């Protein structure tokens, strides 16, 4: 399997704890040969965008800049019409059947690991 799904919001972590969990998961994916990490972070109470969603999404660009990930897509972007999403679908073909494909889900993100 080339896809790993992690529910980072489980246990209602602080942003700092969620960032630590994310880094650990990215490292595990590298070690396990996982191509794509689907991260379920939630979208915040009332649908306005929560602390985890906003805080974690800021980290993705840093990870890409540092070479820890190749790219990423927010749940809102995850589509066959989005370049990074297409690369991830190629790397992890099971994403073609992912329930969030073309759904604009703000509570998830996809990280292209390798």
PDB file of N, CA and C in Angstrom:
ATOM      1  N   UNK A   1       0.837  -1.181   0.000  1.00  0.00           N
ATOM      2  CA  UNK A   1       0.000   0.000   0.000  1.00  0.00           C
ATOM      3  C   UNK A   1       0.880   1.241   0.000  1.00  0.00           C
ATOM      4  N   UNK A   2       0.514   2.230  -0.767  1.00  0.00           N
ATOM      5  CA  UNK A   2       1.322   3.437  -0.879  1.00  0.00           C
ATOM      6  C   UNK A   2       0.646   4.661  -0.260  1.00  0.00           C
ATOM      7  N   UNK A   3      -0.464   4.434   0.446  1.00  0.00           N
ATOM      8  CA  UNK A   3      -1.203   5.507   1.092  1.00  0.00           C
ATOM      9  C   UNK A   3      -1.346   5.209   2.578  1.00  0.00           C
ATOM     10  N   UNK A   4      -1.119   6.228   3.400  1.00  0.00           N
ATOM     11  CA  UNK A   4      -1.365   6.098   4.836  1.00  0.00           C
ATOM     12  C   UNK A   4      -2.344   7.205   5.220  1.00  0.00           C
ATOM     13  N   UNK A   5      -3.319   6.860   6.056  1.00  0.00           N
ATOM     14  CA  UNK A   5      -4.306   7.823   6.536  1.00  0.00           C
ATOM     15  C   UNK A   5      -4.123   7.977   8.038  1.00  0.00           C
ATOM     16  N   UNK A   6      -3.979   9.218   8.478  1.00  0.00           N
ATOM     17  CA  UNK A   6      -3.769   9.516   9.891  1.00  0.00           C
ATOM     18  C   UNK A   6      -4.787  10.562  10.329  1.00  0.00           C
ATOM     19  N   UNK A   7      -5.441  10.278  11.447  1.00  0.00           N
ATOM     20  CA  UNK A   7      -6.370  11.245  12.045  1.00  0.00           C
ATOM     21  C   UNK A   7      -5.610  12.017  13.112  1.00  0.00           C
ATOM     22  N   UNK A   8      -5.091  13.169  12.724  1.00  0.00           N
ATOM     23  CA  UNK A   8      -4.235  13.955  13.616  1.00  0.00           C
ATOM     24  C   UNK A   8      -5.046  14.661  14.693  1.00  0.00           C
ATOM     25  N   UNK A   9      -6.337  14.865  14.445  1.00  0.00           N
ATOM     26  CA  UNK A   9      -7.181  15.576  15.407  1.00  0.00           C
ATOM     27  C   UNK A   9      -7.609  14.699  16.582  1.00  0.00           C
ATOM     28  N   UNK A  10      -7.333  13.410  16.480  1.00  0.00           N
ATOM     29  CA  UNK A  10      -7.730  12.472  17.531  1.00  0.00           C
ATOM     30  C   UNK A  10      -7.123  12.866  18.874  1.00  0.00           C
ATOM     31  N   UNK A  11      -7.949  12.922  19.894  1.00  0.00           N
ATOM     32  CA  UNK A  11      -7.486  13.298  21.221  1.00  0.00           C
ATOM     33  C   UNK A  11      -7.403  14.801  21.436  1.00  0.00           C
ATOM     34  N   UNK A  12      -7.858  15.575  20.456  1.00  0.00           N
ATOM     35  CA  UNK A  12      -7.862  17.044  20.538  1.00  0.00           C
ATOM     36  C   UNK A  12      -6.513  17.629  20.948  1.00  0.00           C
ATOM     37  N   UNK A  13      -5.464  17.362  20.150  1.00  0.00           N
ATOM     38  CA  UNK A  13      -4.126  17.867  20.511  1.00  0.00           C
ATOM     39  C   UNK A  13      -4.023  19.380  20.338  1.00  0.00           C
ATOM     40  N   UNK A  14      -3.051  19.967  21.018  1.00  0.00           N
ATOM     41  CA  UNK A  14      -2.709  21.366  20.748  1.00  0.00           C
ATOM     42  C   UNK A  14      -2.043  21.409  19.376  1.00  0.00           C
ATOM     43  N   UNK A  15      -1.891  22.606  18.842  1.00  0.00           N
ATOM     44  CA  UNK A  15      -1.217  22.751  17.554  1.00  0.00           C
ATOM     45  C   UNK A  15       0.211  22.228  17.631  1.00  0.00           C
ATOM     46  N   UNK A  16       0.912  22.527  18.693  1.00  0.00           N
ATOM     47  CA  UNK A  16       2.300  22.072  18.818  1.00  0.00           C
ATOM     48  C   UNK A  16       2.384  20.545  18.859  1.00  0.00           C
ATOM     49  N   UNK A  17       1.466  19.916  19.581  1.00  0.00           N
ATOM     50  CA  UNK A  17       1.434  18.450  19.631  1.00  0.00           C
ATOM     51  C   UNK A  17       1.096  17.884  18.250  1.00  0.00           C
ATOM     52  N   UNK A  18       0.166  18.503  17.559  1.00  0.00           N
ATOM     53  CA  UNK A  18      -0.197  18.042  16.210  1.00  0.00           C
ATOM     54  C   UNK A  18       0.985  18.172  15.254  1.00  0.00           C
ATOM     55  N   UNK A  19       1.750  19.242  15.389  1.00  0.00           N
ATOM     56  CA  UNK A  19       2.939  19.416  14.544  1.00  0.00           C
ATOM     57  C   UNK A  19       3.962  18.317  14.821  1.00  0.00           C
ATOM     58  N   UNK A  20       4.137  17.976  16.104  1.00  0.00           N
ATOM     59  CA  UNK A  20       5.069  16.893  16.446  1.00  0.00           C
ATOM     60  C   UNK A  20       4.590  15.565  15.857  1.00  0.00           C
ATOM     61  N   UNK A  21       3.292  15.304  15.976  1.00  0.00           N
ATOM     62  CA  UNK A  21       2.729  14.067  15.405  1.00  0.00           C
ATOM     63  C   UNK A  21       2.917  14.031  13.901  1.00  0.00           C
ATOM     64  N   UNK A  22       2.688  15.165  13.251  1.00  0.00           N
ATOM     65  CA  UNK A  22       2.837  15.224  11.803  1.00  0.00           C
ATOM     66  C   UNK A  22       4.271  14.913  11.393  1.00  0.00           C
ATOM     67  N   UNK A  23       5.233  15.530  12.051  1.00  0.00           N
ATOM     68  CA  UNK A  23       6.635  15.274  11.718  1.00  0.00           C
ATOM     69  C   UNK A  23       6.969  13.797  11.901  1.00  0.00           C
ATOM     70  N   UNK A  24       6.493  13.212  12.974  1.00  0.00           N
ATOM     71  CA  UNK A  24       6.714  11.789  13.215  1.00  0.00           C
ATOM     72  C   UNK A  24       6.103  10.945  12.105  1.00  0.00           C
ATOM     73  N   UNK A  25       4.896  11.284  11.697  1.00  0.00           N
ATOM     74  CA  UNK A  25       4.223  10.524  10.633  1.00  0.00           C
ATOM     75  C   UNK A  25       4.938  10.664   9.300  1.00  0.00           C
ATOM     76  N   UNK A  26       5.411  11.859   8.985  1.00  0.00           N
ATOM     77  CA  UNK A  26       6.153  12.055   7.730  1.00  0.00           C
ATOM     78  C   UNK A  26       7.417  11.197   7.742  1.00  0.00           C
ATOM     79  N   UNK A  27       8.115  11.180   8.872  1.00  0.00           N
ATOM     80  CA  UNK A  27       9.323  10.349   8.980  1.00  0.00           C
ATOM     81  C   UNK A  27       8.997   8.864   8.856  1.00  0.00           C
ATOM     82  N   UNK A  28       7.890   8.448   9.476  1.00  0.00           N
ATOM     83  CA  UNK A  28       7.467   7.041   9.361  1.00  0.00           C
ATOM     84  C   UNK A  28       7.149   6.681   7.919  1.00  0.00           C
ATOM     85  N   UNK A  29       6.489   7.591   7.224  1.00  0.00           N
ATOM     86  CA  UNK A  29       6.163   7.340   5.818  1.00  0.00           C
ATOM     87  C   UNK A  29       7.426   7.152   4.992  1.00  0.00           C
ATOM     88  N   UNK A  30       8.424   8.005   5.232  1.00  0.00           N
ATOM     89  CA  UNK A  30       9.705   7.856   4.525  1.00  0.00           C
ATOM     90  C   UNK A  30      10.295   6.474   4.802  1.00  0.00           C
ATOM     91  N   UNK A  31      10.310   6.081   6.054  1.00  0.00           N
ATOM     92  CA  UNK A  31      10.892   4.796   6.440  1.00  0.00           C
ATOM     93  C   UNK A  31      10.123   3.601   5.918  1.00  0.00           C
ATOM     94  N   UNK A  32       8.804   3.753   5.791  1.00  0.00           N
ATOM     95  CA  UNK A  32       7.956   2.644   5.351  1.00  0.00           C
ATOM     96  C   UNK A  32       7.690   2.641   3.850  1.00  0.00           C
ATOM     97  N   UNK A  33       8.236   3.604   3.121  1.00  0.00           N
ATOM     98  CA  UNK A  33       8.038   3.658   1.681  1.00  0.00           C
ATOM     99  C   UNK A  33       6.640   4.096   1.267  1.00  0.00           C
ATOM    100  N   UNK A  34       5.976   4.868   2.105  1.00  0.00           N
ATOM    101  CA  UNK A  34       4.632   5.368   1.808  1.00  0.00           C
ATOM    102  C   UNK A  34       4.743   6.577   0.885  1.00  0.00           C
ATOM    103  N   UNK A  35       3.920   6.629  -0.152  1.00  0.00           N
ATOM    104  CA  UNK A  35       3.988   7.717  -1.124  1.00  0.00           C
ATOM    105  C   UNK A  35       3.147   8.930  -0.749  1.00  0.00           C
ATOM    106  N   UNK A  36       1.981   8.679  -0.149  1.00  0.00           N
ATOM    107  CA  UNK A  36       1.064   9.774   0.162  1.00  0.00           C
ATOM    108  C   UNK A  36       0.518   9.599   1.574  1.00  0.00           C
ATOM    109  N   UNK A  37       0.484  10.706   2.306  1.00  0.00           N
ATOM    110  CA  UNK A  37      -0.097  10.741   3.639  1.00  0.00           C
ATOM    111  C   UNK A  37      -1.358  11.586   3.583  1.00  0.00           C
ATOM    112  N   UNK A  38      -2.490  10.959   3.899  1.00  0.00           N
ATOM    113  CA  UNK A  38      -3.748  11.700   4.010  1.00  0.00           C
ATOM    114  C   UNK A  38      -3.905  12.051   5.476  1.00  0.00           C
ATOM    115  N   UNK A  39      -4.025  13.328   5.731  1.00  0.00           N
ATOM    116  CA  UNK A  39      -4.090  13.833   7.094  1.00  0.00           C
ATOM    117  C   UNK A  39      -5.501  14.361   7.373  1.00  0.00           C
ATOM    118  N   UNK A  40      -6.138  13.792   8.378  1.00  0.00           N
ATOM    119  CA  UNK A  40      -7.462  14.266   8.788  1.00  0.00           C
ATOM    120  C   UNK A  40      -7.251  15.169   9.996  1.00  0.00           C
ATOM    121  N   UNK A  41      -7.402  16.476   9.767  1.00  0.00           N
ATOM    122  CA  UNK A  41      -7.151  17.457  10.820  1.00  0.00           C
ATOM    123  C   UNK A  41      -8.418  18.162  11.270  1.00  0.00           C
ATOM    124  N   UNK A  42      -9.507  17.974  10.577  1.00  0.00           N
ATOM    125  CA  UNK A  42     -10.745  18.671  10.900  1.00  0.00           C
ATOM    126  C   UNK A  42     -10.709  20.075  10.328  1.00  0.00           C
ATOM    127  N   UNK A  43     -11.854  20.745  10.396  1.00  0.00           N
ATOM    128  CA  UNK A  43     -11.938  22.085   9.825  1.00  0.00           C
ATOM    129  C   UNK A  43     -12.310  23.145  10.854  1.00  0.00           C
ATOM    130  N   UNK A  44     -12.488  22.755  12.092  1.00  0.00           N
ATOM    131  CA  UNK A  44     -12.772  23.716  13.153  1.00  0.00           C
ATOM    132  C   UNK A  44     -14.241  23.801  13.487  1.00  0.00           C
ATOM    133  N   UNK A  45     -14.515  24.243  14.662  1.00  0.00           N
ATOM    134  CA  UNK A  45     -15.908  24.351  15.097  1.00  0.00           C
ATOM    135  C   UNK A  45     -16.626  25.442  14.316  1.00  0.00           C
ATOM    136  N   UNK A  46     -17.842  25.156  13.958  1.00  0.00           N
ATOM    137  CA  UNK A  46     -18.627  26.129  13.214  1.00  0.00           C
ATOM    138  C   UNK A  46     -18.229  26.246  11.758  1.00  0.00           C
ATOM    139  N   UNK A  47     -17.282  25.436  11.301  1.00  0.00           N
ATOM    140  CA  UNK A  47     -16.875  25.454   9.899  1.00  0.00           C
ATOM    141  C   UNK A  47     -16.044  26.666   9.503  1.00  0.00           C
ATOM    142  N   UNK A  48     -15.499  27.409  10.452  1.00  0.00           N
ATOM    143  CA  UNK A  48     -14.756  28.635  10.138  1.00  0.00           C
ATOM    144  C   UNK A  48     -13.276  28.385   9.909  1.00  0.00           C
ATOM    145  N   UNK A  49     -12.817  27.219  10.119  1.00  0.00           N
ATOM    146  CA  UNK A  49     -11.390  26.947   9.957  1.00  0.00           C
ATOM    147  C   UNK A  49     -10.708  26.937  11.299  1.00  0.00           C
ATOM    148  N   UNK A  50     -10.286  25.781  11.733  1.00  0.00           N
ATOM    149  CA  UNK A  50      -9.732  25.631  13.068  1.00  0.00           C
ATOM    150  C   UNK A  50      -8.247  25.868  13.156  1.00  0.00           C
ATOM    151  N   UNK A  51      -7.774  25.822  14.375  1.00  0.00           N
ATOM    152  CA  UNK A  51      -6.365  26.047  14.675  1.00  0.00           C
ATOM    153  C   UNK A  51      -5.494  24.976  14.019  1.00  0.00           C
ATOM    154  N   UNK A  52      -5.899  23.701  14.124  1.00  0.00           N
ATOM    155  CA  UNK A  52      -5.076  22.635  13.534  1.00  0.00           C
ATOM    156  C   UNK A  52      -4.997  22.783  12.024  1.00  0.00           C
ATOM    157  N   UNK A  53      -6.122  22.991  11.384  1.00  0.00           N
ATOM    158  CA  UNK A  53      -6.140  23.126   9.924  1.00  0.00           C
ATOM    159  C   UNK A  53      -5.197  24.243   9.481  1.00  0.00           C
ATOM    160  N   UNK A  54      -5.372  25.421  10.017  1.00  0.00           N
ATOM    161  CA  UNK A  54      -4.561  26.566   9.600  1.00  0.00           C
ATOM    162  C   UNK A  54      -3.095  26.384   9.975  1.00  0.00           C
ATOM    163  N   UNK A  55      -2.835  25.938  11.187  1.00  0.00           N
ATOM    164  CA  UNK A  55      -1.463  25.793  11.651  1.00  0.00           C
ATOM    165  C   UNK A  55      -0.689  24.721  10.913  1.00  0.00           C
ATOM    166  N   UNK A  56      -1.334  23.579  10.682  1.00  0.00           N
ATOM    167  CA  UNK A  56      -0.645  22.491   9.983  1.00  0.00           C
ATOM    168  C   UNK A  56      -0.404  22.844   8.524  1.00  0.00           C
ATOM    169  N   UNK A  57      -1.361  23.505   7.907  1.00  0.00           N
ATOM    170  CA  UNK A  57      -1.187  23.853   6.499  1.00  0.00           C
ATOM    171  C   UNK A  57      -0.024  24.809   6.285  1.00  0.00           C
ATOM    172  N   UNK A  58       0.305  25.627   7.263  1.00  0.00           N
ATOM    173  CA  UNK A  58       1.475  26.503   7.155  1.00  0.00           C
ATOM    174  C   UNK A  58       2.767  25.686   7.133  1.00  0.00           C
ATOM    175  N   UNK A  59       2.765  24.556   7.813  1.00  0.00           N
ATOM    176  CA  UNK A  59       3.954  23.708   7.915  1.00  0.00           C
ATOM    177  C   UNK A  59       4.271  23.004   6.592  1.00  0.00           C
ATOM    178  N   UNK A  60       3.254  22.707   5.803  1.00  0.00           N
ATOM    179  CA  UNK A  60       3.474  21.948   4.564  1.00  0.00           C
ATOM    180  C   UNK A  60       4.464  22.636   3.634  1.00  0.00           C
ATOM    181  N   UNK A  61       4.353  23.934   3.478  1.00  0.00           N
ATOM    182  CA  UNK A  61       5.286  24.663   2.599  1.00  0.00           C
ATOM    183  C   UNK A  61       6.717  24.563   3.117  1.00  0.00           C
ATOM    184  N   UNK A  62       6.869  24.630   4.434  1.00  0.00           N
ATOM    185  CA  UNK A  62       8.198  24.476   5.028  1.00  0.00           C
ATOM    186  C   UNK A  62       8.753  23.085   4.741  1.00  0.00           C
ATOM    187  N   UNK A  63       7.915  22.074   4.908  1.00  0.00           N
ATOM    188  CA  UNK A  63       8.347  20.698   4.650  1.00  0.00           C
ATOM    189  C   UNK A  63       8.751  20.526   3.190  1.00  0.00           C
ATOM    190  N   UNK A  64       7.988  21.135   2.288  1.00  0.00           N
ATOM    191  CA  UNK A  64       8.327  21.025   0.870  1.00  0.00           C
ATOM    192  C   UNK A  64       9.635  21.758   0.582  1.00  0.00           C
ATOM    193  N   UNK A  65       9.788  22.940   1.125  1.00  0.00           N
ATOM    194  CA  UNK A  65      11.023  23.714   0.929  1.00  0.00           C
ATOM    195  C   UNK A  65      12.243  22.955   1.434  1.00  0.00           C
ATOM    196  N   UNK A  66      12.067  22.261   2.575  1.00  0.00           N
ATOM    197  CA  UNK A  66      13.166  21.519   3.188  1.00  0.00           C
ATOM    198  C   UNK A  66      13.388  20.136   2.582  1.00  0.00           C
ATOM    199  N   UNK A  67      12.530  19.735   1.645  1.00  0.00           N
ATOM    200  CA  UNK A  67      12.691  18.447   0.985  1.00  0.00           C
ATOM    201  C   UNK A  67      12.094  17.272   1.728  1.00  0.00           C
ATOM    202  N   UNK A  68      11.310  17.536   2.772  1.00  0.00           N
ATOM    203  CA  UNK A  68      10.676  16.445   3.518  1.00  0.00           C
ATOM    204  C   UNK A  68       9.480  15.864   2.773  1.00  0.00           C
ATOM    205  N   UNK A  69       8.825  16.704   1.955  1.00  0.00           N
ATOM    206  CA  UNK A  69       7.722  16.238   1.111  1.00  0.00           C
ATOM    207  C   UNK A  69       7.921  16.826  -0.283  1.00  0.00           C
ATOM    208  N   UNK A  70       7.295  16.189  -1.262  1.00  0.00           N
ATOM    209  CA  UNK A  70       7.414  16.676  -2.637  1.00  0.00           C
ATOM    210  C   UNK A  70       6.346  17.704  -2.981  1.00  0.00           C
ATOM    211  N   UNK A  71       5.216  17.612  -2.298  1.00  0.00           N
ATOM    212  CA  UNK A  71       4.116  18.526  -2.572  1.00  0.00           C
ATOM    213  C   UNK A  71       2.956  18.224  -1.651  1.00  0.00           C
ATOM    214  N   UNK A  72       1.884  18.979  -1.826  1.00  0.00           N
ATOM    215  CA  UNK A  72       0.711  18.783  -0.974  1.00  0.00           C
ATOM    216  C   UNK A  72      -0.516  19.361  -1.658  1.00  0.00           C
ATOM    217  N   UNK A  73      -1.666  18.960  -1.174  1.00  0.00           N
ATOM    218  CA  UNK A  73      -2.945  19.491  -1.653  1.00  0.00           C
ATOM    219  C   UNK A  73      -3.900  19.564  -0.472  1.00  0.00           C
ATOM    220  N   UNK A  74      -4.570  20.673  -0.355  1.00  0.00           N
ATOM    221  CA  UNK A  74      -5.625  20.768   0.652  1.00  0.00           C
ATOM    222  C   UNK A  74      -6.802  19.919   0.167  1.00  0.00           C
ATOM    223  N   UNK A  75      -7.689  19.593   1.066  1.00  0.00           N
ATOM    224  CA  UNK A  75      -8.875  18.849   0.673  1.00  0.00           C
ATOM    225  C   UNK A  75      -9.716  19.606  -0.338  1.00  0.00           C
ATOM    226  N   UNK A  76      -9.691  20.935  -0.242  1.00  0.00           N
ATOM    227  CA  UNK A  76     -10.442  21.756  -1.190  1.00  0.00           C
ATOM    228  C   UNK A  76      -9.844  21.680  -2.595  1.00  0.00           C
ATOM    229  N   UNK A  77      -8.539  21.458  -2.693  1.00  0.00           N
ATOM    230  CA  UNK A  77      -7.847  21.388  -3.988  1.00  0.00           C
ATOM    231  C   UNK A  77      -7.820  19.984  -4.576  1.00  0.00           C
ATOM    232  N   UNK A  78      -8.032  18.974  -3.753  1.00  0.00           N
ATOM    233  CA  UNK A  78      -7.805  17.593  -4.165  1.00  0.00           C
ATOM    234  C   UNK A  78      -8.755  17.193  -5.292  1.00  0.00           C
ATOM    235  N   UNK A  79      -8.220  17.193  -6.497  1.00  0.00           N
ATOM    236  CA  UNK A  79      -9.014  17.014  -7.708  1.00  0.00           C
ATOM    237  C   UNK A  79      -8.127  16.511  -8.836  1.00  0.00           C
ATOM    238  N   UNK A  80      -8.753  15.895  -9.803  1.00  0.00           N
ATOM    239  CA  UNK A  80      -8.006  15.448 -10.983  1.00  0.00           C
ATOM    240  C   UNK A  80      -7.542  16.633 -11.823  1.00  0.00           C
ATOM    241  N   UNK A  81      -8.012  17.831 -11.502  1.00  0.00           N
ATOM    242  CA  UNK A  81      -7.614  19.041 -12.224  1.00  0.00           C
ATOM    243  C   UNK A  81      -6.517  19.825 -11.499  1.00  0.00           C
ATOM    244  N   UNK A  82      -5.984  19.262 -10.424  1.00  0.00           N
ATOM    245  CA  UNK A  82      -4.940  19.907  -9.624  1.00  0.00           C
ATOM    246  C   UNK A  82      -3.645  19.135  -9.836  1.00  0.00           C
ATOM    247  N   UNK A  83      -2.586  19.813 -10.251  1.00  0.00           N
ATOM    248  CA  UNK A  83      -1.332  19.156 -10.643  1.00  0.00           C
ATOM    249  C   UNK A  83      -0.750  18.271  -9.543  1.00  0.00           C
ATOM    250  N   UNK A  84      -0.605  18.797  -8.332  1.00  0.00           N
ATOM    251  CA  UNK A  84      -0.023  17.990  -7.250  1.00  0.00           C
ATOM    252  C   UNK A  84      -0.910  16.794  -6.919  1.00  0.00           C
ATOM    253  N   UNK A  85      -2.220  16.987  -6.983  1.00  0.00           N
ATOM    254  CA  UNK A  85      -3.140  15.870  -6.731  1.00  0.00           C
ATOM    255  C   UNK A  85      -2.937  14.759  -7.752  1.00  0.00           C
ATOM    256  N   UNK A  86      -2.785  15.134  -9.006  1.00  0.00           N
ATOM    257  CA  UNK A  86      -2.561  14.131 -10.055  1.00  0.00           C
ATOM    258  C   UNK A  86      -1.270  13.359  -9.826  1.00  0.00           C
ATOM    259  N   UNK A  87      -0.228  14.054  -9.389  1.00  0.00           N
ATOM    260  CA  UNK A  87       1.039  13.377  -9.085  1.00  0.00           C
ATOM    261  C   UNK A  87       0.843  12.368  -7.951  1.00  0.00           C
ATOM    262  N   UNK A  88       0.079  12.762  -6.945  1.00  0.00           N
ATOM    263  CA  UNK A  88      -0.162  11.865  -5.810  1.00  0.00           C
ATOM    264  C   UNK A  88      -1.014  10.666  -6.225  1.00  0.00           C
ATOM    265  N   UNK A  89      -1.982  10.898  -7.082  1.00  0.00           N
ATOM    266  CA  UNK A  89      -2.819   9.790  -7.569  1.00  0.00           C
ATOM    267  C   UNK A  89      -1.980   8.805  -8.372  1.00  0.00           C
ATOM    268  N   UNK A  90      -1.027   9.325  -9.120  1.00  0.00           N
ATOM    269  CA  UNK A  90      -0.116   8.448  -9.865  1.00  0.00           C
ATOM    270  C   UNK A  90       0.751   7.632  -8.906  1.00  0.00           C
ATOM    271  N   UNK A  91       1.220   8.275  -7.844  1.00  0.00           N
ATOM    272  CA  UNK A  91       2.084   7.605  -6.862  1.00  0.00           C
ATOM    273  C   UNK A  91       1.309   6.626  -5.986  1.00  0.00           C
ATOM    274  N   UNK A  92       0.047   6.916  -5.739  1.00  0.00           N
ATOM    275  CA  UNK A  92      -0.803   6.072  -4.880  1.00  0.00           C
ATOM    276  C   UNK A  92      -2.152   5.894  -5.583  1.00  0.00           C
ATOM    277  N   UNK A  93      -2.230   4.950  -6.531  1.00  0.00           N
ATOM    278  CA  UNK A  93      -3.441   4.787  -7.346  1.00  0.00           C
ATOM    279  C   UNK A  93      -4.726   4.556  -6.551  1.00  0.00           C
ATOM    280  N   UNK A  94      -4.614   4.084  -5.300  1.00  0.00           N
ATOM    281  CA  UNK A  94      -5.821   3.878  -4.498  1.00  0.00           C
ATOM    282  C   UNK A  94      -6.539   5.201  -4.209  1.00  0.00           C
ATOM    283  N   UNK A  95      -5.856   6.327  -4.417  1.00  0.00           N
ATOM    284  CA  UNK A  95      -6.493   7.630  -4.216  1.00  0.00           C
ATOM    285  C   UNK A  95      -7.622   7.881  -5.218  1.00  0.00           C
ATOM    286  N   UNK A  96      -7.618   7.167  -6.334  1.00  0.00           N
ATOM    287  CA  UNK A  96      -8.713   7.319  -7.308  1.00  0.00           C
ATOM    288  C   UNK A  96     -10.065   7.001  -6.676  1.00  0.00           C
ATOM    289  N   UNK A  97     -10.040   6.154  -5.647  1.00  0.00           N
ATOM    290  CA  UNK A  97     -11.277   5.754  -4.972  1.00  0.00           C
ATOM    291  C   UNK A  97     -11.472   6.475  -3.640  1.00  0.00           C
ATOM    292  N   UNK A  98     -10.603   7.440  -3.338  1.00  0.00           N
ATOM    293  CA  UNK A  98     -10.723   8.149  -2.064  1.00  0.00           C
ATOM    294  C   UNK A  98     -12.028   8.947  -2.033  1.00  0.00           C
ATOM    295  N   UNK A  99     -12.771   8.849  -0.932  1.00  0.00           N
ATOM    296  CA  UNK A  99     -14.049   9.554  -0.851  1.00  0.00           C
ATOM    297  C   UNK A  99     -13.926  11.081  -0.878  1.00  0.00           C
ATOM    298  N   UNK A 100     -12.726  11.615  -0.658  1.00  0.00           N
ATOM    299  CA  UNK A 100     -12.555  13.066  -0.674  1.00  0.00           C
ATOM    300  C   UNK A 100     -12.123  13.622  -2.023  1.00  0.00           C
ATOM    301  N   UNK A 101     -11.902  12.764  -3.002  1.00  0.00           N
ATOM    302  CA  UNK A 101     -11.553  13.231  -4.346  1.00  0.00           C
ATOM    303  C   UNK A 101     -12.747  13.989  -4.927  1.00  0.00           C
ATOM    304  N   UNK A 102     -12.500  15.209  -5.352  1.00  0.00           N
ATOM    305  CA  UNK A 102     -13.526  16.085  -5.944  1.00  0.00           C
ATOM    306  C   UNK A 102     -14.595  16.519  -4.948  1.00  0.00           C
ATOM    307  N   UNK A 103     -14.339  16.440  -3.638  1.00  0.00           N
ATOM    308  CA  UNK A 103     -15.358  16.777  -2.634  1.00  0.00           C
ATOM    309  C   UNK A 103     -15.104  18.105  -1.915  1.00  0.00           C
ATOM    310  N   UNK A 104     -13.965  18.737  -2.165  1.00  0.00           N
ATOM    311  CA  UNK A 104     -13.631  20.008  -1.510  1.00  0.00           C
ATOM    312  C   UNK A 104     -13.768  19.941   0.004  1.00  0.00           C
ATOM    313  N   UNK A 105     -13.208  18.887   0.597  1.00  0.00           N
ATOM    314  CA  UNK A 105     -13.301  18.691   2.042  1.00  0.00           C
ATOM    315  C   UNK A 105     -12.234  19.530   2.760  1.00  0.00           C
ATOM    316  N   UNK A 106     -12.630  20.555   3.512  1.00  0.00           N
ATOM    317  CA  UNK A 106     -11.648  21.387   4.206  1.00  0.00           C
ATOM    318  C   UNK A 106     -11.033  20.723   5.435  1.00  0.00           C
ATOM    319  N   UNK A 107     -11.503  19.565   5.807  1.00  0.00           N
ATOM    320  CA  UNK A 107     -11.007  18.885   7.002  1.00  0.00           C
ATOM    321  C   UNK A 107      -9.868  17.914   6.762  1.00  0.00           C
ATOM    322  N   UNK A 108      -9.360  17.862   5.522  1.00  0.00           N
ATOM    323  CA  UNK A 108      -8.274  16.936   5.210  1.00  0.00           C
ATOM    324  C   UNK A 108      -7.199  17.640   4.376  1.00  0.00           C
ATOM    325  N   UNK A 109      -6.022  17.036   4.360  1.00  0.00           N
ATOM    326  CA  UNK A 109      -4.925  17.462   3.494  1.00  0.00           C
ATOM    327  C   UNK A 109      -4.207  16.213   3.015  1.00  0.00           C
ATOM    328  N   UNK A 110      -3.543  16.320   1.888  1.00  0.00           N
ATOM    329  CA  UNK A 110      -2.786  15.220   1.299  1.00  0.00           C
ATOM    330  C   UNK A 110      -1.357  15.674   1.109  1.00  0.00           C
ATOM    331  N   UNK A 111      -0.415  14.888   1.615  1.00  0.00           N
ATOM    332  CA  UNK A 111       1.007  15.204   1.494  1.00  0.00           C
ATOM    333  C   UNK A 111       1.677  14.153   0.620  1.00  0.00           C
ATOM    334  N   UNK A 112       2.381  14.613  -0.408  1.00  0.00           N
ATOM    335  CA  UNK A 112       3.109  13.740  -1.326  1.00  0.00           C
ATOM    336  C   UNK A 112       4.499  13.546  -0.738  1.00  0.00           C
ATOM    337  N   UNK A 113       4.705  12.338  -0.235  1.00  0.00           N
ATOM    338  CA  UNK A 113       5.935  12.035   0.498  1.00  0.00           C
ATOM    339  C   UNK A 113       7.076  11.652  -0.439  1.00  0.00           C
ATOM    340  N   UNK A 114       6.806  10.735  -1.371  1.00  0.00           N
ATOM    341  CA  UNK A 114       7.862  10.299  -2.304  1.00  0.00           C
ATOM    342  C   UNK A 114       7.253   9.726  -3.543  1.00  0.00           C
TER     343      UNK A 114
END
